[in-house]
Amino acid sequence: MLTENNMIVGLDIGTSKVVCLIGEAGPSGRIELVGIGSHPSQGLKRGVVVNIEATVNSIQRAVEEAELMAGCKVHSVSVGIAGSHISSLNSHGIVAVREREVTEQDLDRVIDAARAVAIPADQKIIHILPQEYLIDSQEGIKEPLGMSGVRLEAKVHLVTGSINAVQNIDKCIRRCGLGVDAIVLQQLASSYSVLTDDEKELGVCLVDIGGGTTDIAVFIGGAIRYTCSIPVAGDQVTSDIAMALRTPTQNAEELKVKYACALAQLARADETIKVPSVGERPPRSLSRQALAEVVEPRYDELFTLVQAQLRRSGFEDMVAAGIVLTGGTAKMEGAVELAEEIFHIPVRLACPEGVHGMEDILRDPIYATGLGLLIHAHQNLDGGYGAEGSMRAEAAVAEAPGGPGILERMKSWFQGNY
């Protein structure tokens, strides 16, 4: 049962920033955001931990900031995971229905049958996401529980990731004195906050462009069909600006955020910007169009890579609702227009929704994954398969002031010892 002191916590550990969001889960299903903390991320490269100490420090700062705002102590979190080590495949399982009526045990057995596929020794299964069930060849069943039949089949989407990458994220969070309740694929988390049910039903490709990775997810018929990650994103754009304009990386990032445009024809040639130089040299003046001409080829390459992945998936002609862009790097002026030129289908920039409170701050694509983690955690509070079928993921819980109860203390002890 949810009480007014039950809170859920989402932790988005990105390549450019760590964001911690604390939401209060109301009994009506409404999530009220009560705390937000953000800190630059220094220990990750392309979505993967490369420096544990730096990552731990970034997580602690973000969590402390959120705790201060919410006035509570965080004990465990739902965390996102991304990176080119993530891979996925579609699988299929069949079992006989024991009691002529589908029970929870039958569902568990058919999911176990579907997950019995060969995966590399250095990979582990992160998600088993049911797409649809079949009972005696009857297709398109979303909720088979209680239905009559003798044979149950499940079509599922398996997401796997590097054991070491998962363990390193787990280690960083536990070094901060926190428990890990669920590890969620970042583009799956983002889908909760930026995609509508109609888009998922019609067919949509979500492209989450972060600092280190561009994460792709394809939904058709209300279920996830394909996921992948591309190691080209915002950091490459910053690097291009730094190299081409001969300016320090930190200044290149500022220029990108303030003045860059992904489509050169949208930038005015008569608009000038100041470009800091390296060392003691004085800053130079440059037209905004010249900056756009540095940025556009990288965005063009990125969208062409996304298009190639979409073609490889076999679903390119099935995404009737088009492309949905989200993530901090997708915010750049001209990104949507350039994407439409390349994909030749509708493209929109999505801001996260579904969480109440601080909307003026949170209506920003950089918070798509963090808010999606809150929604995912809330939908899985009661256990069972969530809206996208995540396996029995528990919500992250933060305790309000007043001390933990006996159940929370026991849970905390078990998490610390097993």
Protein backbone atom coordinates (compact mmCIF):
# COMPACT_ATOMS: atom_id res chain seq x y z
CA MET A 1 0.00 0.00 0.00
CA LEU A 2 1.10 3.54 -0.73
CA THR A 3 1.18 6.00 2.13
CA GLU A 4 1.84 9.72 1.97
CA ASN A 5 5.38 8.99 3.14
CA ASN A 6 6.09 6.55 0.29
CA MET A 7 8.45 8.11 -2.19
CA ILE A 8 10.11 6.79 -5.32
CA VAL A 9 13.58 7.73 -6.53
CA GLY A 10 14.98 7.80 -10.05
CA LEU A 11 18.72 8.14 -10.68
CA ASP A 12 19.83 8.98 -14.21
CA ILE A 13 23.60 8.44 -14.42
CA GLY A 14 24.48 10.03 -17.74
CA THR A 15 27.75 10.77 -19.50
CA SER A 16 27.33 14.53 -19.04
CA LYS A 17 25.30 14.74 -15.82
CA VAL A 18 23.84 12.76 -12.91
CA VAL A 19 20.23 13.60 -12.06
CA CYS A 20 18.39 12.38 -8.95
CA LEU A 21 14.60 12.85 -8.82
CA ILE A 22 12.44 12.11 -5.77
CA GLY A 23 8.70 11.76 -6.32
CA GLU A 24 5.83 11.19 -3.92
CA ALA A 25 3.53 8.43 -5.15
CA GLY A 26 -0.10 9.21 -4.44
CA PRO A 27 -2.82 6.54 -4.14
CA SER A 28 -4.56 7.89 -7.25
CA GLY A 29 -1.53 7.01 -9.37
CA ARG A 30 -0.33 10.60 -9.46
CA ILE A 31 3.40 11.26 -8.94
CA GLU A 32 4.32 14.57 -7.32
CA LEU A 33 7.94 15.62 -7.72
CA VAL A 34 9.35 16.78 -4.37
CA GLY A 35 13.12 16.79 -4.90
CA ILE A 36 15.58 17.26 -7.74
CA GLY A 37 19.38 17.19 -7.72
CA SER A 38 21.83 17.47 -10.60
CA HIS A 39 25.62 17.37 -10.81
CA PRO A 40 28.07 17.20 -13.73
CA SER A 41 29.15 13.63 -14.43
CA GLN A 42 32.91 13.06 -14.61
CA GLY A 43 33.35 9.31 -14.31
CA LEU A 44 31.55 7.99 -17.40
CA LYS A 45 32.46 7.67 -21.03
CA ARG A 46 29.83 6.75 -23.62
CA GLY A 47 27.44 5.62 -20.91
CA VAL A 48 29.92 3.30 -19.18
CA VAL A 49 31.70 3.87 -15.84
CA VAL A 50 35.42 4.50 -16.37
CA ASN A 51 36.21 6.13 -13.01
CA ILE A 52 34.43 4.78 -9.92
CA GLU A 53 35.57 7.50 -7.49
CA ALA A 54 34.46 10.34 -9.77
CA THR A 55 31.12 8.63 -10.46
CA VAL A 56 30.49 8.02 -6.74
CA ASN A 57 31.22 11.69 -6.02
CA SER A 58 28.79 12.86 -8.75
CA ILE A 59 26.04 10.52 -7.50
CA GLN A 60 26.49 11.66 -3.88
CA ARG A 61 26.27 15.34 -4.82
CA ALA A 62 23.11 14.84 -6.92
CA VAL A 63 21.41 12.68 -4.25
CA GLU A 64 22.31 15.10 -1.42
CA GLU A 65 20.86 18.01 -3.39
CA ALA A 66 17.61 16.11 -4.01
CA GLU A 67 17.40 14.98 -0.36
CA LEU A 68 17.82 18.58 0.80
CA MET A 69 14.98 19.78 -1.39
CA ALA A 70 12.66 16.88 -0.52
CA GLY A 71 13.49 16.85 3.21
CA CYS A 72 13.93 13.09 3.34
CA LYS A 73 16.65 10.42 3.29
CA VAL A 74 17.09 8.26 0.17
CA HIS A 75 17.81 4.56 0.82
CA SER A 76 17.42 2.97 -2.62
CA VAL A 77 17.01 4.00 -6.23
CA SER A 78 15.88 2.92 -9.70
CA VAL A 79 18.78 3.57 -12.04
CA GLY A 80 19.11 3.84 -15.81
CA ILE A 81 21.71 2.01 -17.90
CA ALA A 82 22.95 2.64 -21.45
CA GLY A 83 26.01 2.12 -23.61
CA SER A 84 27.14 0.19 -26.67
CA HIS A 85 27.50 -2.97 -24.52
CA ILE A 86 23.67 -3.22 -24.52
CA SER A 87 22.23 -5.67 -27.05
CA SER A 88 18.79 -7.10 -27.63
CA LEU A 89 16.91 -9.88 -29.39
CA ASN A 90 13.36 -11.14 -29.78
CA SER A 91 12.57 -14.58 -28.37
CA HIS A 92 9.67 -16.99 -28.10
CA GLY A 93 8.53 -19.48 -25.43
CA ILE A 94 5.81 -22.18 -25.33
CA VAL A 95 4.37 -24.12 -22.35
CA ALA A 96 1.33 -26.28 -21.65
CA VAL A 97 -1.34 -24.68 -19.44
CA ARG A 98 -1.63 -26.94 -16.39
CA GLU A 99 -5.11 -26.16 -15.06
CA ARG A 100 -6.76 -25.29 -18.38
CA GLU A 101 -6.72 -21.69 -17.15
CA VAL A 102 -3.67 -19.41 -17.30
CA THR A 103 -2.22 -18.75 -13.83
CA GLU A 104 0.72 -16.68 -12.53
CA GLN A 105 2.81 -19.88 -12.49
CA ASP A 106 2.07 -20.47 -16.19
CA LEU A 107 3.16 -16.90 -16.98
CA ASP A 108 6.39 -17.41 -15.03
CA ARG A 109 7.07 -20.70 -16.84
CA VAL A 110 6.46 -19.28 -20.34
CA ILE A 111 8.74 -16.31 -19.60
CA ASP A 112 11.42 -18.75 -18.35
CA ALA A 113 11.01 -20.73 -21.57
CA ALA A 114 11.40 -17.55 -23.65
CA ARG A 115 14.56 -16.49 -21.80
CA ALA A 116 16.26 -19.86 -22.41
CA VAL A 117 18.40 -18.60 -25.29
CA ALA A 118 22.18 -18.63 -25.65
CA ILE A 119 23.77 -15.32 -24.69
CA PRO A 120 27.50 -14.56 -24.40
CA ALA A 121 29.14 -15.47 -21.08
CA ASP A 122 30.01 -11.83 -20.34
CA GLN A 123 26.39 -10.67 -20.78
CA LYS A 124 23.42 -10.81 -18.42
CA ILE A 125 19.70 -10.32 -19.03
CA ILE A 126 18.52 -6.88 -17.89
CA HIS A 127 14.91 -6.99 -19.13
CA ILE A 128 12.44 -9.55 -20.40
CA LEU A 129 9.71 -7.45 -22.02
CA PRO A 130 6.61 -9.38 -23.18
CA GLN A 131 5.33 -8.20 -26.58
CA GLU A 132 2.26 -10.42 -26.84
CA TYR A 133 0.88 -13.79 -25.74
CA LEU A 134 -0.79 -16.51 -27.78
CA ILE A 135 -3.27 -19.02 -26.34
CA ASP A 136 -4.00 -22.00 -28.64
CA SER A 137 -2.77 -19.90 -31.61
CA GLN A 138 -5.04 -16.97 -30.71
CA GLU A 139 -2.77 -13.94 -31.29
CA GLY A 140 -2.62 -10.42 -29.88
CA ILE A 141 -3.34 -11.20 -26.21
CA LYS A 142 -1.87 -8.63 -23.81
CA GLU A 143 -3.25 -9.96 -20.50
CA PRO A 144 -3.60 -13.77 -20.60
CA LEU A 145 -4.15 -14.25 -16.85
CA GLY A 146 -7.36 -16.21 -16.17
CA MET A 147 -7.99 -17.08 -19.84
CA SER A 148 -8.81 -20.67 -20.83
CA GLY A 149 -6.59 -22.74 -23.09
CA VAL A 150 -4.16 -25.64 -23.27
CA ARG A 151 -1.09 -24.02 -24.85
CA LEU A 152 0.45 -20.68 -23.88
CA GLU A 153 3.06 -18.90 -26.00
CA ALA A 154 4.93 -15.68 -25.28
CA LYS A 155 6.81 -13.39 -27.65
CA VAL A 156 9.33 -11.34 -25.69
CA HIS A 157 12.06 -8.78 -26.20
CA LEU A 158 15.24 -9.65 -24.30
CA VAL A 159 17.67 -6.87 -23.38
CA THR A 160 21.16 -7.90 -22.27
CA GLY A 161 24.11 -5.89 -21.02
CA SER A 162 27.72 -6.42 -19.99
CA ILE A 163 27.96 -8.03 -16.53
CA ASN A 164 30.92 -5.80 -15.67
CA ALA A 165 29.16 -2.59 -16.75
CA VAL A 166 26.09 -3.49 -14.65
CA GLN A 167 28.25 -4.42 -11.66
CA ASN A 168 30.20 -1.15 -11.88
CA ILE A 169 27.00 0.92 -11.78
CA ASP A 170 25.74 -1.22 -8.88
CA LYS A 171 29.08 -0.78 -7.09
CA CYS A 172 29.04 3.02 -7.48
CA ILE A 173 25.54 3.29 -6.03
CA ARG A 174 26.29 0.95 -3.12
CA ARG A 175 29.47 2.93 -2.38
CA CYS A 176 27.12 5.88 -1.81
CA GLY A 177 25.27 3.83 0.84
CA LEU A 178 22.24 3.25 -1.40
CA GLY A 179 20.42 0.12 -2.54
CA VAL A 180 19.58 -0.67 -6.18
CA ASP A 181 15.94 -1.69 -6.66
CA ALA A 182 15.85 -1.77 -10.45
CA ILE A 183 18.25 -1.26 -13.33
CA VAL A 184 16.28 0.02 -16.32
CA LEU A 185 17.34 0.48 -19.93
CA GLN A 186 17.52 4.26 -20.46
CA GLN A 187 15.51 4.44 -23.68
CA LEU A 188 12.83 2.21 -22.10
CA ALA A 189 12.68 4.61 -19.13
CA SER A 190 12.49 7.64 -21.44
CA SER A 191 9.61 6.03 -23.35
CA TYR A 192 7.45 6.16 -20.21
CA SER A 193 7.70 9.94 -20.03
CA VAL A 194 7.73 11.02 -23.70
CA LEU A 195 5.70 8.54 -25.79
CA THR A 196 1.90 8.39 -25.99
CA ASP A 197 -0.03 5.11 -26.12
CA ASP A 198 -1.25 6.01 -29.64
CA GLU A 199 2.33 6.40 -30.87
CA LYS A 200 3.36 3.04 -29.39
CA GLU A 201 0.33 1.38 -31.00
CA LEU A 202 0.83 2.92 -34.45
CA GLY A 203 4.59 2.41 -34.51
CA VAL A 204 7.22 4.89 -33.36
CA CYS A 205 11.01 5.16 -33.14
CA LEU A 206 12.31 6.87 -30.00
CA VAL A 207 15.77 8.46 -30.37
CA ASP A 208 17.24 9.58 -27.03
CA ILE A 209 20.35 11.68 -27.79
CA GLY A 210 22.45 12.18 -24.66
CA GLY A 211 26.03 13.26 -24.06
CA GLY A 212 27.80 9.95 -24.69
CA THR A 213 25.30 7.69 -26.46
CA THR A 214 22.27 7.85 -28.73
CA ASP A 215 19.74 5.25 -27.60
CA ILE A 216 17.08 3.91 -29.96
CA ALA A 217 13.86 2.02 -29.21
CA VAL A 218 11.16 0.95 -31.69
CA PHE A 219 7.59 0.35 -30.49
CA ILE A 220 4.94 -1.28 -32.69
CA GLY A 221 1.53 -2.59 -31.67
CA GLY A 222 1.97 -1.20 -28.15
CA ALA A 223 5.11 -3.27 -27.44
CA ILE A 224 8.86 -2.74 -27.74
CA ARG A 225 10.33 -4.52 -30.77
CA TYR A 226 13.90 -3.29 -31.13
CA THR A 227 16.55 -1.50 -29.05
CA CYS A 228 20.13 -0.45 -29.74
CA SER A 229 22.70 2.18 -28.83
CA ILE A 230 25.04 4.29 -30.99
CA PRO A 231 28.26 5.70 -29.46
CA VAL A 232 27.85 9.07 -31.22
CA ALA A 233 26.13 11.91 -29.35
CA GLY A 234 26.57 15.38 -27.85
CA ASP A 235 30.18 14.92 -26.72
CA GLN A 236 31.27 14.42 -30.35
CA VAL A 237 29.56 17.69 -31.32
CA THR A 238 31.42 19.51 -28.51
CA SER A 239 34.69 17.90 -29.61
CA ASP A 240 34.11 19.01 -33.23
CA ILE A 241 33.52 22.61 -32.12
CA ALA A 242 36.64 22.57 -29.91
CA MET A 243 38.81 21.23 -32.76
CA ALA A 244 37.42 23.35 -35.59
CA LEU A 245 37.27 26.64 -33.69
CA ARG A 246 40.43 25.98 -31.62
CA THR A 247 38.73 26.67 -28.32
CA PRO A 248 38.87 24.81 -24.96
CA THR A 249 36.32 21.99 -24.54
CA GLN A 250 34.50 23.79 -21.71
CA ASN A 251 34.00 26.88 -23.92
CA ALA A 252 33.01 24.66 -26.85
CA GLU A 253 30.23 23.16 -24.70
CA GLU A 254 28.98 26.68 -23.81
CA LEU A 255 29.01 27.73 -27.47
CA LYS A 256 27.11 24.57 -28.41
CA VAL A 257 24.39 25.11 -25.79
CA LYS A 258 23.96 28.88 -26.40
CA TYR A 259 24.53 29.44 -30.11
CA ALA A 260 24.82 26.21 -32.12
CA CYS A 261 22.32 25.27 -34.81
CA ALA A 262 22.02 21.84 -36.42
CA LEU A 263 20.91 23.25 -39.79
CA ALA A 264 23.24 25.90 -41.23
CA GLN A 265 20.55 27.53 -43.40
CA LEU A 266 18.60 28.50 -40.24
CA ALA A 267 21.54 30.43 -38.74
CA ARG A 268 21.91 34.07 -39.78
CA ALA A 269 25.28 34.96 -41.33
CA ASP A 270 25.19 38.50 -39.87
CA GLU A 271 24.92 37.22 -36.28
CA THR A 272 28.36 37.10 -34.63
CA ILE A 273 29.59 35.27 -31.52
CA LYS A 274 32.72 35.58 -29.39
CA VAL A 275 34.93 32.48 -29.47
CA PRO A 276 37.44 32.17 -26.58
CA SER A 277 40.93 31.16 -27.67
CA VAL A 278 43.35 28.68 -26.10
CA GLY A 279 45.91 30.07 -23.65
CA GLU A 280 46.40 33.84 -23.35
CA ARG A 281 45.26 34.65 -26.89
CA PRO A 282 42.37 37.14 -27.21
CA PRO A 283 38.88 35.88 -28.15
CA ARG A 284 37.83 36.00 -31.83
CA SER A 285 34.58 36.99 -33.51
CA LEU A 286 32.87 34.41 -35.72
CA SER A 287 29.55 34.25 -37.51
CA ARG A 288 26.90 31.95 -36.06
CA GLN A 289 26.52 30.36 -39.48
CA ALA A 290 30.19 29.26 -39.39
CA LEU A 291 29.48 27.48 -36.08
CA ALA A 292 26.41 25.82 -37.62
CA GLU A 293 28.53 24.56 -40.53
CA VAL A 294 30.76 22.75 -38.01
CA VAL A 295 27.79 21.24 -36.15
CA GLU A 296 25.53 20.20 -39.07
CA PRO A 297 27.77 17.41 -40.50
CA ARG A 298 27.90 15.65 -37.10
CA TYR A 299 24.10 15.75 -36.68
CA ASP A 300 23.75 14.60 -40.29
CA GLU A 301 26.06 11.64 -39.53
CA LEU A 302 24.16 10.84 -36.33
CA PHE A 303 20.73 10.78 -37.99
CA THR A 304 22.14 8.74 -40.91
CA LEU A 305 23.45 6.16 -38.39
CA VAL A 306 20.02 6.05 -36.70
CA GLN A 307 18.39 5.54 -40.11
CA ALA A 308 20.82 2.69 -40.86
CA GLN A 309 19.94 0.99 -37.55
CA LEU A 310 16.22 1.43 -38.26
CA ARG A 311 16.67 -0.20 -41.67
CA ARG A 312 18.69 -3.04 -40.13
CA SER A 313 15.89 -3.67 -37.63
CA GLY A 314 13.40 -4.29 -40.47
CA PHE A 315 10.86 -1.89 -38.94
CA GLU A 316 11.62 1.24 -41.01
CA ASP A 317 8.34 1.08 -42.94
CA MET A 318 6.27 0.32 -39.83
CA VAL A 319 6.87 3.47 -37.74
CA ALA A 320 3.74 5.31 -38.88
CA ALA A 321 3.92 7.77 -35.97
CA GLY A 322 7.41 8.79 -37.08
CA ILE A 323 10.49 9.68 -35.01
CA VAL A 324 10.42 11.13 -31.49
CA LEU A 325 13.61 12.93 -30.42
CA THR A 326 14.47 13.49 -26.76
CA GLY A 327 17.55 13.95 -24.58
CA GLY A 328 19.65 17.09 -24.06
CA THR A 329 21.43 16.99 -27.43
CA ALA A 330 18.10 16.81 -29.30
CA LYS A 331 17.15 20.29 -28.04
CA MET A 332 19.40 22.12 -30.50
CA GLU A 333 17.73 24.49 -32.94
CA GLY A 334 17.36 22.89 -36.35
CA ALA A 335 17.68 19.27 -35.12
CA VAL A 336 14.04 18.41 -35.89
CA GLU A 337 14.17 20.07 -39.33
CA LEU A 338 17.41 18.27 -40.26
CA ALA A 339 15.98 14.94 -39.02
CA GLU A 340 12.87 15.39 -41.20
CA GLU A 341 15.09 16.03 -44.24
CA ILE A 342 16.95 12.76 -43.61
CA PHE A 343 14.14 10.44 -42.45
CA HIS A 344 11.35 11.79 -44.71
CA ILE A 345 8.79 11.00 -41.99
CA PRO A 346 7.31 13.19 -39.20
CA VAL A 347 9.76 14.10 -36.41
CA ARG A 348 8.93 15.78 -33.10
CA LEU A 349 10.95 16.91 -30.10
CA ALA A 350 9.42 15.41 -26.93
CA CYS A 351 9.44 16.95 -23.47
CA PRO A 352 8.69 14.58 -20.56
CA GLU A 353 5.19 14.39 -19.05
CA GLY A 354 3.38 12.31 -16.45
CA VAL A 355 4.91 13.79 -13.27
CA HIS A 356 3.43 16.79 -11.47
CA GLY A 357 5.27 19.60 -9.71
CA MET A 358 8.08 21.86 -10.97
CA GLU A 359 6.77 21.55 -14.53
CA ASP A 360 8.52 24.76 -15.60
CA ILE A 361 11.90 23.12 -14.83
CA LEU A 362 11.08 19.57 -15.89
CA ARG A 363 9.55 20.35 -19.29
CA ASP A 364 12.98 19.75 -20.73
CA PRO A 365 14.22 16.71 -22.75
CA ILE A 366 17.27 16.35 -20.47
CA TYR A 367 14.95 15.02 -17.73
CA ALA A 368 13.20 12.43 -19.95
CA THR A 369 15.10 9.43 -18.53
CA GLY A 370 14.94 10.56 -14.88
CA LEU A 371 11.19 11.17 -14.95
CA GLY A 372 10.67 7.94 -16.90
CA LEU A 373 12.48 6.05 -14.12
CA LEU A 374 10.01 7.51 -11.59
CA ILE A 375 7.02 6.44 -13.70
CA HIS A 376 8.53 2.96 -14.24
CA ALA A 377 9.16 2.55 -10.51
CA HIS A 378 5.63 3.69 -9.66
CA GLN A 379 4.02 1.28 -12.15
CA ASN A 380 5.99 -1.59 -10.64
CA LEU A 381 5.30 -0.80 -6.97
CA ASP A 382 2.81 -3.64 -6.79
CA GLY A 383 5.17 -6.15 -8.42
CA GLY A 384 4.06 -8.18 -11.40
CA TYR A 385 4.65 -7.19 -15.01
CA GLY A 386 4.55 -3.45 -15.55
CA ALA A 387 3.02 -1.64 -18.50
CA GLU A 388 5.97 -2.72 -20.64
CA GLY A 389 6.39 -6.05 -18.89
CA SER A 390 9.51 -5.37 -16.83
CA MET A 391 10.14 -8.40 -14.67
CA ARG A 392 8.98 -7.90 -11.11
CA ALA A 393 10.96 -4.67 -10.67
CA GLU A 394 10.38 -3.04 -7.32
CA ALA A 395 10.08 0.70 -6.87
CA ALA A 396 12.81 2.70 -5.26
CA VAL A 397 11.77 3.95 -1.84
CA ALA A 398 12.84 6.96 0.14
CA GLU A 399 11.78 7.25 3.75
CA ALA A 400 10.46 10.51 5.09
CA PRO A 401 11.84 11.84 8.41
CA GLY A 402 10.79 9.82 11.43
CA GLY A 403 13.02 6.78 11.06
CA PRO A 404 12.54 3.53 9.18
CA GLY A 405 10.03 0.96 10.29
CA ILE A 406 10.94 -2.66 11.07
CA LEU A 407 10.08 -3.85 7.55
CA GLU A 408 12.26 -1.16 5.98
CA ARG A 409 15.13 -1.98 8.34
CA MET A 410 14.87 -5.71 7.51
CA LYS A 411 14.77 -4.92 3.78
CA SER A 412 17.79 -2.66 4.15
CA TRP A 413 19.68 -5.37 6.07
CA PHE A 414 18.93 -8.02 3.44
CA GLN A 415 20.00 -5.68 0.63
CA GLY A 416 23.26 -5.00 2.43
CA ASN A 417 24.02 -8.64 3.14
CA TYR A 418 22.86 -10.50 0.04
